[in-house]
Amino acid sequence: MERRTLLKLTVGGAVTAGAGFGALSRAFAAGKDIVYLTPGLDLPFWRYLSKGIEKAVTDKGHGFQALDSHNSAQTQLQNAQDSITRGVGGIIISPTDSSTAPSVLSLAEKAGIPVVIADIGTNSGDYASFVISDNYRGAHDVGVALAEALKAKGWQDGGVAIVAISQARKNGQARTQGFLDGLKEGGFSGREAGMQQMQSYTTDETFKFTQDILTANPDLRGLFIQTDQPAMGALRAIKAARRNGEVLVAAFDGIPDFVPLLESGELVVSGMQQPYLMGVRSGEAMLQVLDGQTPEKEITVPILAITSTNIAQELPTVKETVFANEV
């Protein structure tokens, strides 16, 4: 079994099996632990989201713990089983992918433990609320911005490639379709130059993907990296190939390193989800359940399309809702 990272663990009491969401009592609300099952805390996005959850639930007197799944569905399931055995008050989960989430939801439902899903989504199963960014619209705006930047350089007939997050994730599917639709609406008339799907979500992985894409596509003019840290690997690969200034890079999500890159134009645009705000909204939804209320079934958080032209204006908001005030 892979190592599981535990943050700020406070063990809770037992939960009666088979209670079901409708029969949850206010007894759950009295200082019980809220567990966050995350794909991987090494990715800034999940760390920022975790901080938002922690802020919301600890302010109301609950214990908090975050369990790292290291991008393994098996580890995430084991983390869920361990949490249920400890008798936590609620589980907030960002699934490793949408196809494996139902296994966790089924275990929690049988134990009578409410679940809020924070991003990614699930193919099936019962849950109290789903907090999601508008991935389609965010990626659409990224596509439009990249198309306009390509058009400004007279490169609208070149190739554009994608380094994608898992397309088994509903948010991954939405980012791909939104981006392609945005490219078209923005006036891009070139060709799709292929897609690579991340598995480890590291800069080194995307560095290698970008090398392969550049080799296979001498006419490459645009590249869309569907999450934050790996975009740094793409930029590094472009420089190593001495193609900097010849390929425009668009990203998704946000890390502090993006700020100077957007200011300089080295990064054309990033569709920044607001993970800290998503975490706060996820925590608030769980608190509603524990207080006997019914949160909205789906809560949508907008995505900020940040470019070199609006970064100065949007930076105060970005620092709080995207970077969790780490900058």
Protein backbone atom coordinates (compact mmCIF):
# COMPACT_ATOMS: atom_id res chain seq x y z
CA MET A 1 0.00 0.00 0.00
CA GLU A 2 1.29 3.46 -0.89
CA ARG A 3 2.22 5.93 1.82
CA ARG A 4 -0.64 8.16 2.89
CA THR A 5 0.03 11.67 4.09
CA LEU A 6 -2.02 12.83 7.08
CA LEU A 7 -2.38 16.49 7.97
CA LYS A 8 -3.68 17.75 11.30
CA LEU A 9 -5.40 14.53 12.34
CA THR A 10 -7.95 14.63 15.11
CA VAL A 11 -9.66 11.26 15.58
CA GLY A 12 -13.46 11.39 15.74
CA GLY A 13 -16.01 9.02 17.22
CA ALA A 14 -18.02 6.24 15.63
CA VAL A 15 -20.76 6.62 13.04
CA THR A 16 -23.79 4.39 12.92
CA ALA A 17 -23.75 2.30 9.74
CA GLY A 18 -26.63 2.58 7.31
CA ALA A 19 -27.90 5.96 8.57
CA GLY A 20 -28.29 7.48 5.09
CA PHE A 21 -27.99 11.19 4.32
CA GLY A 22 -31.61 11.92 5.17
CA ALA A 23 -31.27 10.52 8.70
CA LEU A 24 -28.12 12.41 9.66
CA SER A 25 -28.53 14.10 13.03
CA ARG A 26 -27.12 17.32 14.39
CA ALA A 27 -24.91 15.19 16.61
CA PHE A 28 -22.54 15.07 13.65
CA ALA A 29 -22.02 18.82 13.93
CA ALA A 30 -20.44 18.79 17.38
CA GLY A 31 -16.78 19.11 16.56
CA LYS A 32 -16.50 16.03 14.35
CA ASP A 33 -13.60 15.69 11.92
CA ILE A 34 -14.03 16.59 8.28
CA VAL A 35 -11.75 14.57 6.00
CA TYR A 36 -10.53 15.78 2.62
CA LEU A 37 -9.44 13.05 0.19
CA THR A 38 -7.21 14.70 -2.40
CA PRO A 39 -5.49 13.31 -5.52
CA GLY A 40 -2.08 14.79 -4.59
CA LEU A 41 -0.97 17.60 -2.31
CA ASP A 42 2.20 18.06 -4.36
CA LEU A 43 0.05 19.90 -6.92
CA PRO A 44 -0.55 23.49 -5.72
CA PHE A 45 -4.18 23.44 -6.85
CA TRP A 46 -5.12 20.69 -4.38
CA ARG A 47 -3.10 22.31 -1.59
CA TYR A 48 -4.92 25.61 -2.07
CA LEU A 49 -8.30 23.85 -2.17
CA SER A 50 -7.41 21.99 1.03
CA LYS A 51 -6.62 25.28 2.76
CA GLY A 52 -10.04 26.64 1.82
CA ILE A 53 -11.81 23.61 3.28
CA GLU A 54 -9.71 23.80 6.43
CA LYS A 55 -10.54 27.48 6.93
CA ALA A 56 -14.29 26.91 6.56
CA VAL A 57 -14.61 23.89 8.85
CA THR A 58 -12.12 24.77 11.59
CA ASP A 59 -13.72 28.20 11.98
CA LYS A 60 -16.84 26.28 13.06
CA GLY A 61 -14.99 24.09 15.54
CA HIS A 62 -14.47 20.94 13.49
CA GLY A 63 -11.27 18.94 13.25
CA PHE A 64 -9.71 18.70 9.79
CA GLN A 65 -7.53 16.19 8.04
CA ALA A 66 -6.30 15.91 4.45
CA LEU A 67 -5.29 12.52 3.07
CA ASP A 68 -3.07 12.40 -0.01
CA SER A 69 -3.95 9.71 -2.56
CA HIS A 70 -0.78 10.17 -4.63
CA ASN A 71 -2.95 10.00 -7.79
CA SER A 72 -3.85 6.37 -7.00
CA ALA A 73 -7.49 5.26 -6.94
CA GLN A 74 -6.54 2.33 -4.72
CA THR A 75 -4.89 4.61 -2.16
CA GLN A 76 -7.86 6.97 -2.22
CA LEU A 77 -10.24 4.07 -1.56
CA GLN A 78 -8.07 2.88 1.33
CA ASN A 79 -8.00 6.42 2.74
CA ALA A 80 -11.80 6.47 2.56
CA GLN A 81 -12.06 3.12 4.33
CA ASP A 82 -9.71 4.28 7.08
CA SER A 83 -11.69 7.51 7.53
CA ILE A 84 -14.99 5.64 7.76
CA THR A 85 -13.53 3.25 10.31
CA ARG A 86 -12.45 6.23 12.44
CA GLY A 87 -15.99 7.59 12.33
CA VAL A 88 -15.48 10.98 10.71
CA GLY A 89 -18.35 13.42 10.45
CA GLY A 90 -18.05 14.03 6.72
CA ILE A 91 -15.89 13.38 3.67
CA ILE A 92 -14.97 15.92 1.02
CA ILE A 93 -13.37 14.27 -1.98
CA SER A 94 -11.60 15.37 -5.14
CA PRO A 95 -11.61 12.00 -6.94
CA THR A 96 -8.52 10.66 -8.67
CA ASP A 97 -10.88 10.29 -11.64
CA SER A 98 -14.62 10.23 -12.25
CA SER A 99 -14.80 6.48 -12.91
CA THR A 100 -13.34 5.46 -9.53
CA ALA A 101 -15.30 7.93 -7.38
CA PRO A 102 -18.43 5.72 -7.11
CA SER A 103 -16.54 3.16 -5.01
CA VAL A 104 -15.83 5.78 -2.34
CA LEU A 105 -19.38 7.17 -2.51
CA SER A 106 -20.83 3.69 -2.03
CA LEU A 107 -18.74 3.04 1.09
CA ALA A 108 -19.68 6.39 2.61
CA GLU A 109 -23.38 5.95 1.86
CA LYS A 110 -23.44 2.55 3.58
CA ALA A 111 -21.79 4.12 6.64
CA GLY A 112 -24.19 7.07 6.68
CA ILE A 113 -21.39 9.59 6.17
CA PRO A 114 -22.19 12.59 3.93
CA VAL A 115 -19.92 13.37 1.00
CA VAL A 116 -19.26 16.61 -0.83
CA ILE A 117 -17.37 16.36 -4.12
CA ALA A 118 -14.86 19.14 -4.76
CA ASP A 119 -13.98 19.21 -8.46
CA ILE A 120 -13.35 16.31 -10.90
CA GLY A 121 -16.86 14.83 -10.60
CA THR A 122 -18.23 11.30 -10.59
CA ASN A 123 -19.85 9.00 -13.11
CA SER A 124 -22.45 7.83 -10.58
CA GLY A 125 -23.25 7.60 -6.89
CA ASP A 126 -24.95 9.63 -4.17
CA TYR A 127 -23.46 12.79 -2.68
CA ALA A 128 -24.68 15.88 -0.86
CA SER A 129 -23.19 18.55 -3.14
CA PHE A 130 -20.77 18.96 -6.03
CA VAL A 131 -18.54 22.05 -6.13
CA ILE A 132 -17.13 22.58 -9.59
CA SER A 133 -15.53 25.26 -11.71
CA ASP A 134 -17.07 26.06 -15.07
CA ASN A 135 -14.31 24.14 -16.85
CA TYR A 136 -15.92 24.38 -20.27
CA ARG A 137 -16.34 28.17 -20.13
CA GLY A 138 -12.91 28.69 -18.57
CA ALA A 139 -11.17 26.62 -21.24
CA HIS A 140 -13.30 28.25 -23.93
CA ASP A 141 -12.02 31.68 -22.85
CA VAL A 142 -8.44 30.32 -22.91
CA GLY A 143 -9.01 29.07 -26.47
CA VAL A 144 -10.36 32.42 -27.61
CA ALA A 145 -7.41 34.29 -26.04
CA LEU A 146 -4.86 31.96 -27.64
CA ALA A 147 -6.58 32.21 -31.05
CA GLU A 148 -6.51 35.99 -30.87
CA ALA A 149 -2.81 35.99 -29.91
CA LEU A 150 -2.02 33.63 -32.81
CA LYS A 151 -4.02 35.80 -35.20
CA ALA A 152 -2.14 38.91 -34.04
CA LYS A 153 1.11 37.21 -35.06
CA GLY A 154 -0.28 35.86 -38.34
CA TRP A 155 0.04 32.28 -37.07
CA GLN A 156 -3.60 31.23 -37.24
CA ASP A 157 -2.80 28.51 -39.80
CA GLY A 158 -0.22 26.64 -37.74
CA GLY A 159 -0.65 23.65 -35.44
CA VAL A 160 -1.99 23.70 -31.87
CA ALA A 161 -1.49 20.77 -29.49
CA ILE A 162 -2.82 19.88 -26.03
CA VAL A 163 -1.17 18.30 -23.01
CA ALA A 164 -4.30 17.21 -21.17
CA ILE A 165 -5.27 16.04 -17.74
CA SER A 166 -6.93 12.62 -17.72
CA GLN A 167 -9.80 12.48 -20.18
CA ALA A 168 -11.46 9.95 -17.85
CA ARG A 169 -12.21 12.99 -15.69
CA LYS A 170 -15.32 14.97 -16.55
CA ASN A 171 -13.45 18.22 -15.98
CA GLY A 172 -10.75 17.06 -18.41
CA GLN A 173 -13.34 16.38 -21.09
CA ALA A 174 -14.88 19.81 -20.52
CA ARG A 175 -11.49 21.57 -20.76
CA THR A 176 -10.65 19.90 -24.03
CA GLN A 177 -13.99 20.61 -25.70
CA GLY A 178 -14.18 24.16 -24.36
CA PHE A 179 -10.68 24.96 -25.57
CA LEU A 180 -11.28 23.58 -29.06
CA ASP A 181 -14.57 25.47 -29.36
CA GLY A 182 -12.87 28.66 -28.14
CA LEU A 183 -10.06 28.30 -30.66
CA LYS A 184 -12.59 28.04 -33.46
CA GLU A 185 -14.66 30.97 -32.25
CA GLY A 186 -11.49 33.03 -31.85
CA GLY A 187 -10.69 32.59 -35.55
CA PHE A 188 -8.10 29.85 -35.48
CA SER A 189 -8.08 28.05 -38.83
CA GLY A 190 -5.08 25.76 -38.39
CA ARG A 191 -4.89 22.12 -37.43
CA GLU A 192 -5.10 20.16 -34.21
CA ALA A 193 -1.60 18.80 -33.62
CA GLY A 194 -2.51 16.00 -31.23
CA MET A 195 -2.96 15.41 -27.52
CA GLN A 196 -0.94 13.81 -24.74
CA GLN A 197 -2.59 12.80 -21.45
CA MET A 198 -0.86 13.31 -18.11
CA GLN A 199 -0.43 10.44 -15.70
CA SER A 200 2.02 11.71 -13.08
CA TYR A 201 1.16 15.44 -13.45
CA THR A 202 4.79 16.51 -13.13
CA THR A 203 6.88 19.10 -14.94
CA ASP A 204 9.25 16.38 -16.18
CA GLU A 205 6.40 14.41 -17.72
CA THR A 206 5.11 17.45 -19.61
CA PHE A 207 8.66 18.39 -20.59
CA LYS A 208 8.95 15.03 -22.38
CA PHE A 209 5.49 15.31 -23.90
CA THR A 210 6.35 18.76 -25.27
CA GLN A 211 9.63 17.53 -26.71
CA ASP A 212 7.73 14.81 -28.59
CA ILE A 213 5.09 17.27 -29.81
CA LEU A 214 7.71 19.75 -31.06
CA THR A 215 9.59 17.01 -32.91
CA ALA A 216 6.45 15.69 -34.58
CA ASN A 217 5.09 19.15 -35.45
CA PRO A 218 7.64 21.57 -36.95
CA ASP A 219 4.77 23.98 -37.64
CA LEU A 220 3.56 24.03 -34.03
CA ARG A 221 2.43 27.51 -33.01
CA GLY A 222 0.29 26.94 -29.93
CA LEU A 223 0.22 24.67 -26.92
CA PHE A 224 -2.44 24.28 -24.20
CA ILE A 225 -1.36 22.73 -20.89
CA GLN A 226 -4.44 21.77 -18.89
CA THR A 227 -3.07 22.32 -15.37
CA ASP A 228 -0.61 24.52 -13.55
CA GLN A 229 2.82 23.15 -12.53
CA PRO A 230 3.27 21.00 -15.67
CA ALA A 231 3.10 24.16 -17.78
CA MET A 232 6.56 25.02 -16.46
CA GLY A 233 7.85 21.81 -18.04
CA ALA A 234 6.38 22.83 -21.39
CA LEU A 235 8.07 26.24 -21.28
CA ARG A 236 11.36 24.58 -20.37
CA ALA A 237 11.08 22.17 -23.32
CA ILE A 238 10.36 25.00 -25.75
CA LYS A 239 13.47 26.84 -24.56
CA ALA A 240 15.57 23.68 -24.75
CA ALA A 241 14.47 23.23 -28.37
CA ARG A 242 15.32 26.88 -29.06
CA ARG A 243 11.72 27.47 -30.09
CA ASN A 244 10.97 30.18 -27.52
CA GLY A 245 9.17 33.03 -29.18
CA GLU A 246 7.87 30.64 -31.85
CA VAL A 247 5.23 28.76 -29.83
CA LEU A 248 2.54 30.48 -27.75
CA VAL A 249 1.65 28.70 -24.51
CA ALA A 250 -1.71 28.76 -22.75
CA ALA A 251 -2.25 27.19 -19.35
CA PHE A 252 -4.96 26.34 -16.86
CA ASP A 253 -5.12 26.87 -13.09
CA GLY A 254 -2.55 29.14 -11.48
CA ILE A 255 0.64 29.17 -9.44
CA PRO A 256 2.66 32.20 -8.28
CA ASP A 257 5.29 31.49 -10.96
CA PHE A 258 2.67 32.37 -13.57
CA VAL A 259 2.45 36.01 -12.52
CA PRO A 260 5.77 37.21 -14.00
CA LEU A 261 5.29 34.93 -17.02
CA LEU A 262 1.93 36.52 -17.78
CA GLU A 263 3.35 39.99 -17.17
CA SER A 264 6.16 39.32 -19.66
CA GLY A 265 3.93 37.57 -22.21
CA GLU A 266 5.91 34.32 -22.03
CA LEU A 267 2.61 32.80 -20.99
CA VAL A 268 -0.27 34.09 -23.12
CA VAL A 269 -3.20 33.20 -20.87
CA SER A 270 -4.15 31.01 -17.97
CA GLY A 271 -7.69 29.97 -17.12
CA MET A 272 -7.38 30.22 -13.36
CA GLN A 273 -9.75 28.23 -11.26
CA GLN A 274 -10.20 29.61 -7.76
CA PRO A 275 -9.25 26.58 -5.65
CA TYR A 276 -9.19 28.35 -2.28
CA LEU A 277 -12.70 29.67 -2.94
CA MET A 278 -13.76 26.20 -4.12
CA GLY A 279 -12.45 24.77 -0.86
CA VAL A 280 -14.37 27.33 1.19
CA ARG A 281 -17.57 26.58 -0.75
CA SER A 282 -17.03 22.82 -0.28
CA GLY A 283 -16.53 23.25 3.45
CA GLU A 284 -19.61 25.47 3.70
CA ALA A 285 -21.71 22.85 1.86
CA MET A 286 -20.56 20.16 4.29
CA LEU A 287 -21.36 22.42 7.25
CA GLN A 288 -24.89 22.86 5.90
CA VAL A 289 -25.36 19.09 5.77
CA LEU A 290 -24.05 18.65 9.29
CA ASP A 291 -26.47 21.35 10.45
CA GLY A 292 -29.42 19.46 8.99
CA GLN A 293 -29.78 21.68 5.93
CA THR A 294 -29.70 20.81 2.23
CA PRO A 295 -26.99 22.55 0.19
CA GLU A 296 -27.32 23.16 -3.53
CA LYS A 297 -26.70 19.95 -5.45
CA GLU A 298 -24.21 21.70 -7.73
CA ILE A 299 -22.26 24.83 -6.85
CA THR A 300 -20.37 26.48 -9.70
CA VAL A 301 -17.34 28.69 -9.09
CA PRO A 302 -16.27 30.95 -12.01
CA ILE A 303 -12.86 30.70 -13.69
CA LEU A 304 -10.72 33.79 -14.25
CA ALA A 305 -9.13 34.15 -17.69
CA ILE A 306 -5.91 35.95 -16.75
CA THR A 307 -3.77 37.52 -19.48
CA SER A 308 -0.91 40.00 -19.69
CA THR A 309 -3.46 42.77 -20.20
CA ASN A 310 -5.52 42.16 -17.06
CA ILE A 311 -3.05 40.57 -14.61
CA ALA A 312 -2.38 43.84 -12.77
CA GLN A 313 -6.09 44.50 -12.23
CA GLU A 314 -6.96 40.93 -11.20
CA LEU A 315 -3.91 40.18 -9.04
CA PRO A 316 -5.47 41.09 -5.65
CA THR A 317 -8.31 38.63 -6.27
CA VAL A 318 -5.95 36.00 -7.63
CA LYS A 319 -3.73 36.19 -4.54
CA GLU A 320 -6.65 35.33 -2.27
CA THR A 321 -8.96 32.99 -4.17
CA VAL A 322 -6.36 31.24 -6.35
CA PHE A 323 -3.15 31.26 -4.29
CA ALA A 324 -4.74 31.00 -0.83
CA ASN A 325 -2.75 34.07 0.28
CA GLU A 326 0.54 32.20 -0.05
CA VAL A 327 1.91 35.06 -2.18
